Protein backbone atom coordinates (compact mmCIF):
# COMPACT_ATOMS: atom_id res chain seq x y z
CA UNK A 1 114.44 148.52 215.07
CA UNK A 2 115.69 144.90 214.93
CA UNK A 3 113.57 141.74 214.84
CA UNK A 4 115.47 140.43 217.81
CA UNK A 5 114.25 143.42 219.86
CA UNK A 6 110.65 142.45 218.97
CA UNK A 7 110.76 138.80 219.81
CA UNK A 8 110.91 139.57 223.58
CA UNK A 9 107.63 141.54 223.49
CA UNK A 10 104.11 140.23 224.13
CA UNK A 11 101.47 140.18 221.46
CA UNK A 12 99.63 143.17 223.08
CA UNK A 13 102.85 145.28 223.05
CA UNK A 14 103.41 144.34 219.40
CA UNK A 15 99.85 145.24 218.34
CA UNK A 16 100.19 148.56 220.11
CA UNK A 17 103.54 149.30 218.35
CA UNK A 18 101.90 148.28 215.04
CA UNK A 19 99.19 150.82 215.60
CA UNK A 20 101.66 153.48 216.41
CA UNK A 21 103.68 152.74 213.21
CA UNK A 22 100.70 152.84 211.00
CA UNK A 23 99.78 156.22 212.41
CA UNK A 24 103.31 157.47 211.70
CA UNK A 25 103.08 156.04 208.12
CA UNK A 26 99.73 157.86 207.61
CA UNK A 27 101.36 161.11 208.85
CA UNK A 28 104.37 160.70 206.59
CA UNK A 29 102.03 160.04 203.55
CA UNK A 30 100.21 163.34 204.32
CA UNK A 31 103.60 165.15 204.61
CA UNK A 32 104.72 163.57 201.37
CA UNK A 33 101.49 164.64 199.51
CA UNK A 34 101.71 168.22 200.74
CA UNK A 35 105.42 168.44 199.89
CA UNK A 36 106.48 169.13 203.47
CA UNK A 37 108.47 166.01 203.99
CA UNK A 38 111.61 166.60 206.03
CA UNK A 39 112.84 163.03 206.27
CA UNK A 40 111.97 161.01 203.12
CA UNK A 41 113.87 158.02 204.38
CA UNK A 42 111.53 157.46 207.17
CA UNK A 43 108.86 156.26 204.79
CA UNK A 44 111.01 153.18 203.95
CA UNK A 45 112.00 152.61 207.54
CA UNK A 46 108.48 152.67 208.87
CA UNK A 47 107.24 150.41 206.18
CA UNK A 48 109.97 147.84 207.01
CA UNK A 49 109.32 148.21 210.71
CA UNK A 50 105.65 147.48 210.15
CA UNK A 51 106.67 144.28 208.16
CA UNK A 52 109.00 143.17 210.97
CA UNK A 53 106.26 143.53 213.69
CA UNK A 54 103.72 141.60 211.51
CA UNK A 55 106.24 138.92 210.88
CA UNK A 56 106.93 138.45 214.64
CA UNK A 57 103.25 138.52 215.31
CA UNK A 58 102.81 135.75 212.83
CA UNK A 59 105.71 133.65 214.24
CA UNK A 60 104.30 133.99 217.73
CA UNK A 61 100.78 132.91 216.50
CA UNK A 62 102.30 129.93 214.68
CA UNK A 63 104.20 128.81 217.79
CA UNK A 64 100.98 128.67 219.81
């Protein structure tokens, strides 16, 4: 996911995507704790995607 993809979305869409990413992060943490993680690189990707979404939300809030 790129930040340029996120800038065109509304705040409601970004908040919905943030909720989905946090759910995915939670599920990945459970997989990691149980030792059943198939894609360990996804933890880092999801964490960075969450940061991107939060950054764009902050930029949109500052612009208003």
